[in-house]
Amino acid sequence: MSANKKPMAPNSADEDIPDLSTPEWRKQFDQSKVRRGRPPAELTKVSTTIRLDPDIIEAFRAGGEGWQSRINAALREYLGKRARP
């Protein structure tokens, strides 16, 4: 506890909170799997380097966040139109 902070007075609601330092809780914590971050995607994207004209990058970045995803969508749309006879 910091020297500047006074300990809080016990609250009646605190009686409902279990003591997480007991052996049964420690056992549950030790057996639980730690899951951090975003869940893994089924299909992951491939990291690559591509050279584009500065005006193309500026136009997509001007749209705000998600500009790389919009470039991906534009390329996907192009491939879809190109594949049709």
PDB file of N, CA and C in Angstrom:
ATOM      1  N   MET A   1       0.853  -1.174   0.000  1.00  0.00           N
ATOM      2  CA  MET A   1       0.000   0.000   0.000  1.00  0.00           C
ATOM      3  C   MET A   1       0.890   1.225   0.000  1.00  0.00           C
ATOM      4  N   SER A   2       0.492   2.196  -0.749  1.00  0.00           N
ATOM      5  CA  SER A   2       1.249   3.443  -0.827  1.00  0.00           C
ATOM      6  C   SER A   2       1.099   4.237   0.463  1.00  0.00           C
ATOM      7  N   ALA A   3       2.132   4.992   0.806  1.00  0.00           N
ATOM      8  CA  ALA A   3       2.091   5.800   2.022  1.00  0.00           C
ATOM      9  C   ALA A   3       1.056   6.913   1.911  1.00  0.00           C
ATOM     10  N   ASN A   4       0.708   7.304   0.695  1.00  0.00           N
ATOM     11  CA  ASN A   4      -0.263   8.383   0.488  1.00  0.00           C
ATOM     12  C   ASN A   4      -1.709   7.913   0.578  1.00  0.00           C
ATOM     13  N   LYS A   5      -1.934   6.622   0.454  1.00  0.00           N
ATOM     14  CA  LYS A   5      -3.300   6.108   0.447  1.00  0.00           C
ATOM     15  C   LYS A   5      -3.628   5.456   1.782  1.00  0.00           C
ATOM     16  N   LYS A   6      -4.825   5.725   2.249  1.00  0.00           N
ATOM     17  CA  LYS A   6      -5.283   5.113   3.493  1.00  0.00           C
ATOM     18  C   LYS A   6      -6.008   3.811   3.152  1.00  0.00           C
ATOM     19  N   PRO A   7      -5.901   2.796   3.997  1.00  0.00           N
ATOM     20  CA  PRO A   7      -6.633   1.557   3.723  1.00  0.00           C
ATOM     21  C   PRO A   7      -8.137   1.817   3.753  1.00  0.00           C
ATOM     22  N   MET A   8      -8.831   1.121   2.887  1.00  0.00           N
ATOM     23  CA  MET A   8     -10.282   1.287   2.815  1.00  0.00           C
ATOM     24  C   MET A   8     -10.950   0.536   3.959  1.00  0.00           C
ATOM     25  N   ALA A   9     -12.028   1.069   4.429  1.00  0.00           N
ATOM     26  CA  ALA A   9     -12.795   0.416   5.481  1.00  0.00           C
ATOM     27  C   ALA A   9     -13.473  -0.825   4.907  1.00  0.00           C
ATOM     28  N   PRO A  10     -13.594  -1.892   5.685  1.00  0.00           N
ATOM     29  CA  PRO A  10     -14.272  -3.093   5.191  1.00  0.00           C
ATOM     30  C   PRO A  10     -15.713  -2.768   4.809  1.00  0.00           C
ATOM     31  N   ASN A  11     -16.146  -3.388   3.775  1.00  0.00           N
ATOM     32  CA  ASN A  11     -17.488  -3.174   3.252  1.00  0.00           C
ATOM     33  C   ASN A  11     -18.265  -4.476   3.417  1.00  0.00           C
ATOM     34  N   SER A  12     -19.530  -4.393   3.692  1.00  0.00           N
ATOM     35  CA  SER A  12     -20.326  -5.611   3.874  1.00  0.00           C
ATOM     36  C   SER A  12     -20.410  -6.401   2.576  1.00  0.00           C
ATOM     37  N   ALA A  13     -20.292  -5.730   1.429  1.00  0.00           N
ATOM     38  CA  ALA A  13     -20.331  -6.438   0.147  1.00  0.00           C
ATOM     39  C   ALA A  13     -19.080  -7.290  -0.038  1.00  0.00           C
ATOM     40  N   ASP A  14     -17.974  -6.939   0.637  1.00  0.00           N
ATOM     41  CA  ASP A  14     -16.740  -7.700   0.526  1.00  0.00           C
ATOM     42  C   ASP A  14     -16.888  -9.107   1.085  1.00  0.00           C
ATOM     43  N   GLU A  15     -17.847  -9.323   1.947  1.00  0.00           N
ATOM     44  CA  GLU A  15     -18.058 -10.647   2.527  1.00  0.00           C
ATOM     45  C   GLU A  15     -18.513 -11.648   1.470  1.00  0.00           C
ATOM     46  N   ASP A  16     -19.115 -11.159   0.390  1.00  0.00           N
ATOM     47  CA  ASP A  16     -19.596 -12.040  -0.668  1.00  0.00           C
ATOM     48  C   ASP A  16     -18.485 -12.456  -1.627  1.00  0.00           C
ATOM     49  N   ILE A  17     -17.355 -11.783  -1.574  1.00  0.00           N
ATOM     50  CA  ILE A  17     -16.256 -12.065  -2.488  1.00  0.00           C
ATOM     51  C   ILE A  17     -15.437 -13.221  -1.925  1.00  0.00           C
ATOM     52  N   PRO A  18     -15.239 -14.292  -2.733  1.00  0.00           N
ATOM     53  CA  PRO A  18     -14.473 -15.437  -2.223  1.00  0.00           C
ATOM     54  C   PRO A  18     -12.992 -15.095  -2.077  1.00  0.00           C
ATOM     55  N   ASP A  19     -12.327 -15.800  -1.170  1.00  0.00           N
ATOM     56  CA  ASP A  19     -10.887 -15.637  -0.968  1.00  0.00           C
ATOM     57  C   ASP A  19     -10.179 -16.446  -2.052  1.00  0.00           C
ATOM     58  N   LEU A  20      -9.593 -15.741  -3.025  1.00  0.00           N
ATOM     59  CA  LEU A  20      -8.989 -16.410  -4.172  1.00  0.00           C
ATOM     60  C   LEU A  20      -7.618 -17.002  -3.874  1.00  0.00           C
ATOM     61  N   SER A  21      -7.144 -16.835  -2.658  1.00  0.00           N
ATOM     62  CA  SER A  21      -5.847 -17.407  -2.296  1.00  0.00           C
ATOM     63  C   SER A  21      -5.983 -18.796  -1.669  1.00  0.00           C
ATOM     64  N   THR A  22      -7.185 -19.308  -1.533  1.00  0.00           N
ATOM     65  CA  THR A  22      -7.384 -20.626  -0.938  1.00  0.00           C
ATOM     66  C   THR A  22      -6.924 -21.713  -1.908  1.00  0.00           C
ATOM     67  N   PRO A  23      -6.552 -22.890  -1.385  1.00  0.00           N
ATOM     68  CA  PRO A  23      -6.013 -23.958  -2.242  1.00  0.00           C
ATOM     69  C   PRO A  23      -6.947 -24.372  -3.386  1.00  0.00           C
ATOM     70  N   GLU A  24      -8.252 -24.413  -3.134  1.00  0.00           N
ATOM     71  CA  GLU A  24      -9.153 -24.841  -4.215  1.00  0.00           C
ATOM     72  C   GLU A  24      -9.163 -23.835  -5.376  1.00  0.00           C
ATOM     73  N   TRP A  25      -9.089 -22.536  -5.056  1.00  0.00           N
ATOM     74  CA  TRP A  25      -9.019 -21.526  -6.131  1.00  0.00           C
ATOM     75  C   TRP A  25      -7.660 -21.585  -6.818  1.00  0.00           C
ATOM     76  N   ARG A  26      -6.564 -21.758  -6.066  1.00  0.00           N
ATOM     77  CA  ARG A  26      -5.231 -21.847  -6.669  1.00  0.00           C
ATOM     78  C   ARG A  26      -5.191 -23.005  -7.658  1.00  0.00           C
ATOM     79  N   LYS A  27      -5.815 -24.135  -7.282  1.00  0.00           N
ATOM     80  CA  LYS A  27      -5.842 -25.308  -8.158  1.00  0.00           C
ATOM     81  C   LYS A  27      -6.576 -24.970  -9.455  1.00  0.00           C
ATOM     82  N   GLN A  28      -7.715 -24.281  -9.348  1.00  0.00           N
ATOM     83  CA  GLN A  28      -8.463 -23.904 -10.551  1.00  0.00           C
ATOM     84  C   GLN A  28      -7.647 -22.962 -11.438  1.00  0.00           C
ATOM     85  N   PHE A  29      -6.957 -22.015 -10.826  1.00  0.00           N
ATOM     86  CA  PHE A  29      -6.132 -21.081 -11.606  1.00  0.00           C
ATOM     87  C   PHE A  29      -4.991 -21.815 -12.301  1.00  0.00           C
ATOM     88  N   ASP A  30      -4.366 -22.756 -11.602  1.00  0.00           N
ATOM     89  CA  ASP A  30      -3.244 -23.494 -12.172  1.00  0.00           C
ATOM     90  C   ASP A  30      -3.676 -24.380 -13.335  1.00  0.00           C
ATOM     91  N   GLN A  31      -4.907 -24.889 -13.289  1.00  0.00           N
ATOM     92  CA  GLN A  31      -5.389 -25.783 -14.338  1.00  0.00           C
ATOM     93  C   GLN A  31      -6.007 -25.041 -15.518  1.00  0.00           C
ATOM     94  N   SER A  32      -6.318 -23.774 -15.336  1.00  0.00           N
ATOM     95  CA  SER A  32      -6.977 -23.040 -16.418  1.00  0.00           C
ATOM     96  C   SER A  32      -5.982 -22.672 -17.508  1.00  0.00           C
ATOM     97  N   LYS A  33      -6.468 -22.662 -18.734  1.00  0.00           N
ATOM     98  CA  LYS A  33      -5.645 -22.328 -19.883  1.00  0.00           C
ATOM     99  C   LYS A  33      -5.675 -20.814 -20.086  1.00  0.00           C
ATOM    100  N   VAL A  34      -4.521 -20.226 -20.304  1.00  0.00           N
ATOM    101  CA  VAL A  34      -4.442 -18.786 -20.508  1.00  0.00           C
ATOM    102  C   VAL A  34      -4.717 -18.489 -21.978  1.00  0.00           C
ATOM    103  N   ARG A  35      -5.698 -17.638 -22.229  1.00  0.00           N
ATOM    104  CA  ARG A  35      -6.040 -17.245 -23.601  1.00  0.00           C
ATOM    105  C   ARG A  35      -5.909 -15.741 -23.703  1.00  0.00           C
ATOM    106  N   ARG A  36      -4.939 -15.285 -24.467  1.00  0.00           N
ATOM    107  CA  ARG A  36      -4.727 -13.851 -24.627  1.00  0.00           C
ATOM    108  C   ARG A  36      -4.874 -13.475 -26.087  1.00  0.00           C
ATOM    109  N   GLY A  37      -5.335 -12.263 -26.306  1.00  0.00           N
ATOM    110  CA  GLY A  37      -5.398 -11.734 -27.659  1.00  0.00           C
ATOM    111  C   GLY A  37      -6.565 -12.264 -28.465  1.00  0.00           C
ATOM    112  N   ARG A  38      -6.513 -11.983 -29.722  1.00  0.00           N
ATOM    113  CA  ARG A  38      -7.568 -12.374 -30.653  1.00  0.00           C
ATOM    114  C   ARG A  38      -7.490 -13.871 -30.926  1.00  0.00           C
ATOM    115  N   PRO A  39      -8.641 -14.545 -31.025  1.00  0.00           N
ATOM    116  CA  PRO A  39      -8.598 -15.972 -31.354  1.00  0.00           C
ATOM    117  C   PRO A  39      -7.990 -16.174 -32.745  1.00  0.00           C
ATOM    118  N   PRO A  40      -7.283 -17.275 -32.961  1.00  0.00           N
ATOM    119  CA  PRO A  40      -6.670 -17.495 -34.269  1.00  0.00           C
ATOM    120  C   PRO A  40      -7.722 -17.632 -35.363  1.00  0.00           C
ATOM    121  N   ALA A  41      -7.449 -17.022 -36.509  1.00  0.00           N
ATOM    122  CA  ALA A  41      -8.368 -17.073 -37.647  1.00  0.00           C
ATOM    123  C   ALA A  41      -8.198 -18.388 -38.388  1.00  0.00           C
ATOM    124  N   GLU A  42      -9.279 -18.830 -39.035  1.00  0.00           N
ATOM    125  CA  GLU A  42      -9.205 -20.061 -39.822  1.00  0.00           C
ATOM    126  C   GLU A  42      -8.286 -19.854 -41.022  1.00  0.00           C
ATOM    127  N   LEU A  43      -8.462 -18.735 -41.692  1.00  0.00           N
ATOM    128  CA  LEU A  43      -7.606 -18.400 -42.826  1.00  0.00           C
ATOM    129  C   LEU A  43      -6.787 -17.176 -42.458  1.00  0.00           C
ATOM    130  N   THR A  44      -5.495 -17.347 -42.428  1.00  0.00           N
ATOM    131  CA  THR A  44      -4.643 -16.217 -42.102  1.00  0.00           C
ATOM    132  C   THR A  44      -4.133 -15.575 -43.382  1.00  0.00           C
ATOM    133  N   LYS A  45      -3.844 -14.296 -43.306  1.00  0.00           N
ATOM    134  CA  LYS A  45      -3.320 -13.584 -44.463  1.00  0.00           C
ATOM    135  C   LYS A  45      -1.811 -13.754 -44.516  1.00  0.00           C
ATOM    136  N   VAL A  46      -1.255 -13.542 -45.695  1.00  0.00           N
ATOM    137  CA  VAL A  46       0.173 -13.677 -45.914  1.00  0.00           C
ATOM    138  C   VAL A  46       0.792 -12.292 -45.924  1.00  0.00           C
ATOM    139  N   SER A  47       1.851 -12.123 -45.167  1.00  0.00           N
ATOM    140  CA  SER A  47       2.561 -10.854 -45.155  1.00  0.00           C
ATOM    141  C   SER A  47       3.450 -10.786 -46.388  1.00  0.00           C
ATOM    142  N   THR A  48       3.375  -9.644 -47.093  1.00  0.00           N
ATOM    143  CA  THR A  48       4.162  -9.475 -48.307  1.00  0.00           C
ATOM    144  C   THR A  48       4.546  -8.016 -48.469  1.00  0.00           C
ATOM    145  N   THR A  49       5.415  -7.754 -49.404  1.00  0.00           N
ATOM    146  CA  THR A  49       5.787  -6.385 -49.735  1.00  0.00           C
ATOM    147  C   THR A  49       5.374  -6.134 -51.172  1.00  0.00           C
ATOM    148  N   ILE A  50       4.719  -5.012 -51.394  1.00  0.00           N
ATOM    149  CA  ILE A  50       4.271  -4.652 -52.731  1.00  0.00           C
ATOM    150  C   ILE A  50       4.541  -3.169 -52.931  1.00  0.00           C
ATOM    151  N   ARG A  51       4.963  -2.800 -54.114  1.00  0.00           N
ATOM    152  CA  ARG A  51       5.250  -1.399 -54.414  1.00  0.00           C
ATOM    153  C   ARG A  51       4.073  -0.821 -55.194  1.00  0.00           C
ATOM    154  N   LEU A  52       3.519   0.240 -54.650  1.00  0.00           N
ATOM    155  CA  LEU A  52       2.389   0.923 -55.287  1.00  0.00           C
ATOM    156  C   LEU A  52       2.744   2.397 -55.473  1.00  0.00           C
ATOM    157  N   ASP A  53       2.082   3.037 -56.418  1.00  0.00           N
ATOM    158  CA  ASP A  53       2.303   4.465 -56.644  1.00  0.00           C
ATOM    159  C   ASP A  53       1.837   5.254 -55.422  1.00  0.00           C
ATOM    160  N   PRO A  54       2.541   6.355 -55.125  1.00  0.00           N
ATOM    161  CA  PRO A  54       2.195   7.149 -53.940  1.00  0.00           C
ATOM    162  C   PRO A  54       0.751   7.653 -53.937  1.00  0.00           C
ATOM    163  N   ASP A  55       0.219   8.015 -55.114  1.00  0.00           N
ATOM    164  CA  ASP A  55      -1.152   8.521 -55.160  1.00  0.00           C
ATOM    165  C   ASP A  55      -2.169   7.437 -54.808  1.00  0.00           C
ATOM    166  N   ILE A  56      -1.867   6.190 -55.131  1.00  0.00           N
ATOM    167  CA  ILE A  56      -2.756   5.071 -54.780  1.00  0.00           C
ATOM    168  C   ILE A  56      -2.796   4.916 -53.259  1.00  0.00           C
ATOM    169  N   ILE A  57      -1.605   4.912 -52.639  1.00  0.00           N
ATOM    170  CA  ILE A  57      -1.527   4.777 -51.189  1.00  0.00           C
ATOM    171  C   ILE A  57      -2.232   5.944 -50.507  1.00  0.00           C
ATOM    172  N   GLU A  58      -2.002   7.163 -50.979  1.00  0.00           N
ATOM    173  CA  GLU A  58      -2.644   8.349 -50.389  1.00  0.00           C
ATOM    174  C   GLU A  58      -4.158   8.245 -50.464  1.00  0.00           C
ATOM    175  N   ALA A  59      -4.665   7.793 -51.600  1.00  0.00           N
ATOM    176  CA  ALA A  59      -6.121   7.695 -51.776  1.00  0.00           C
ATOM    177  C   ALA A  59      -6.723   6.698 -50.791  1.00  0.00           C
ATOM    178  N   PHE A  60      -6.083   5.552 -50.614  1.00  0.00           N
ATOM    179  CA  PHE A  60      -6.616   4.553 -49.689  1.00  0.00           C
ATOM    180  C   PHE A  60      -6.442   4.993 -48.238  1.00  0.00           C
ATOM    181  N   ARG A  61      -5.311   5.604 -47.913  1.00  0.00           N
ATOM    182  CA  ARG A  61      -5.088   6.068 -46.546  1.00  0.00           C
ATOM    183  C   ARG A  61      -6.032   7.211 -46.177  1.00  0.00           C
ATOM    184  N   ALA A  62      -6.432   7.999 -47.153  1.00  0.00           N
ATOM    185  CA  ALA A  62      -7.342   9.111 -46.885  1.00  0.00           C
ATOM    186  C   ALA A  62      -8.690   8.608 -46.378  1.00  0.00           C
ATOM    187  N   GLY A  63      -9.011   7.367 -46.667  1.00  0.00           N
ATOM    188  CA  GLY A  63     -10.265   6.773 -46.203  1.00  0.00           C
ATOM    189  C   GLY A  63     -10.230   6.368 -44.741  1.00  0.00           C
ATOM    190  N   GLY A  64      -9.085   6.509 -44.092  1.00  0.00           N
ATOM    191  CA  GLY A  64      -8.976   6.173 -42.670  1.00  0.00           C
ATOM    192  C   GLY A  64      -8.489   4.760 -42.440  1.00  0.00           C
ATOM    193  N   GLU A  65      -8.732   4.290 -41.215  1.00  0.00           N
ATOM    194  CA  GLU A  65      -8.276   2.953 -40.833  1.00  0.00           C
ATOM    195  C   GLU A  65      -8.876   1.898 -41.751  1.00  0.00           C
ATOM    196  N   GLY A  66      -8.151   0.823 -41.924  1.00  0.00           N
ATOM    197  CA  GLY A  66      -8.621  -0.271 -42.768  1.00  0.00           C
ATOM    198  C   GLY A  66      -8.217  -0.111 -44.220  1.00  0.00           C
ATOM    199  N   TRP A  67      -7.291   0.805 -44.484  1.00  0.00           N
ATOM    200  CA  TRP A  67      -6.921   1.062 -45.875  1.00  0.00           C
ATOM    201  C   TRP A  67      -6.274  -0.156 -46.524  1.00  0.00           C
ATOM    202  N   GLN A  68      -5.524  -0.945 -45.784  1.00  0.00           N
ATOM    203  CA  GLN A  68      -4.904  -2.140 -46.358  1.00  0.00           C
ATOM    204  C   GLN A  68      -5.967  -3.177 -46.705  1.00  0.00           C
ATOM    205  N   SER A  69      -6.986  -3.292 -45.868  1.00  0.00           N
ATOM    206  CA  SER A  69      -8.087  -4.220 -46.154  1.00  0.00           C
ATOM    207  C   SER A  69      -8.860  -3.764 -47.386  1.00  0.00           C
ATOM    208  N   ARG A  70      -8.991  -2.444 -47.563  1.00  0.00           N
ATOM    209  CA  ARG A  70      -9.678  -1.933 -48.754  1.00  0.00           C
ATOM    210  C   ARG A  70      -8.868  -2.207 -50.022  1.00  0.00           C
ATOM    211  N   ILE A  71      -7.549  -2.136 -49.921  1.00  0.00           N
ATOM    212  CA  ILE A  71      -6.717  -2.504 -51.075  1.00  0.00           C
ATOM    213  C   ILE A  71      -6.923  -3.984 -51.390  1.00  0.00           C
ATOM    214  N   ASN A  72      -6.960  -4.819 -50.369  1.00  0.00           N
ATOM    215  CA  ASN A  72      -7.193  -6.246 -50.555  1.00  0.00           C
ATOM    216  C   ASN A  72      -8.541  -6.481 -51.242  1.00  0.00           C
ATOM    217  N   ALA A  73      -9.579  -5.760 -50.790  1.00  0.00           N
ATOM    218  CA  ALA A  73     -10.913  -5.909 -51.387  1.00  0.00           C
ATOM    219  C   ALA A  73     -10.914  -5.447 -52.849  1.00  0.00           C
ATOM    220  N   ALA A  74     -10.196  -4.362 -53.146  1.00  0.00           N
ATOM    221  CA  ALA A  74     -10.131  -3.865 -54.522  1.00  0.00           C
ATOM    222  C   ALA A  74      -9.442  -4.882 -55.428  1.00  0.00           C
ATOM    223  N   LEU A  75      -8.376  -5.490 -54.946  1.00  0.00           N
ATOM    224  CA  LEU A  75      -7.691  -6.517 -55.733  1.00  0.00           C
ATOM    225  C   LEU A  75      -8.580  -7.741 -55.928  1.00  0.00           C
ATOM    226  N   ARG A  76      -9.317  -8.115 -54.882  1.00  0.00           N
ATOM    227  CA  ARG A  76     -10.233  -9.257 -54.990  1.00  0.00           C
ATOM    228  C   ARG A  76     -11.330  -8.967 -56.014  1.00  0.00           C
ATOM    229  N   GLU A  77     -11.860  -7.739 -55.988  1.00  0.00           N
ATOM    230  CA  GLU A  77     -12.891  -7.342 -56.952  1.00  0.00           C
ATOM    231  C   GLU A  77     -12.331  -7.379 -58.372  1.00  0.00           C
ATOM    232  N   TYR A  78     -11.117  -6.893 -58.554  1.00  0.00           N
ATOM    233  CA  TYR A  78     -10.481  -6.922 -59.869  1.00  0.00           C
ATOM    234  C   TYR A  78     -10.349  -8.352 -60.376  1.00  0.00           C
ATOM    235  N   LEU A  79      -9.879  -9.250 -59.522  1.00  0.00           N
ATOM    236  CA  LEU A  79      -9.730 -10.648 -59.927  1.00  0.00           C
ATOM    237  C   LEU A  79     -11.073 -11.280 -60.260  1.00  0.00           C
ATOM    238  N   GLY A  80     -12.124 -10.911 -59.521  1.00  0.00           N
ATOM    239  CA  GLY A  80     -13.458 -11.442 -59.801  1.00  0.00           C
ATOM    240  C   GLY A  80     -13.981 -10.992 -61.155  1.00  0.00           C
ATOM    241  N   LYS A  81     -13.758  -9.733 -61.508  1.00  0.00           N
ATOM    242  CA  LYS A  81     -14.207  -9.226 -62.812  1.00  0.00           C
ATOM    243  C   LYS A  81     -13.363  -9.810 -63.938  1.00  0.00           C
ATOM    244  N   ARG A  82     -12.093 -10.037 -63.677  1.00  0.00           N
ATOM    245  CA  ARG A  82     -11.190 -10.544 -64.693  1.00  0.00           C
ATOM    246  C   ARG A  82     -11.467 -12.005 -65.010  1.00  0.00           C
ATOM    247  N   ALA A  83     -11.947 -12.769 -64.027  1.00  0.00           N
ATOM    248  CA  ALA A  83     -12.171 -14.200 -64.214  1.00  0.00           C
ATOM    249  C   ALA A  83     -13.409 -14.490 -65.063  1.00  0.00           C
ATOM    250  N   ARG A  84     -14.308 -13.525 -65.158  1.00  0.00           N
ATOM    251  CA  ARG A  84     -15.540 -13.759 -65.946  1.00  0.00           C
ATOM    252  C   ARG A  84     -15.230 -13.697 -67.437  1.00  0.00           C
ATOM    253  N   PRO A  85     -15.835 -14.593 -68.233  1.00  0.00           N
ATOM    254  CA  PRO A  85     -15.605 -14.583 -69.691  1.00  0.00           C
ATOM    255  C   PRO A  85     -16.322 -13.451 -70.387  1.00  0.00           C
TER     256      PRO A  85
END
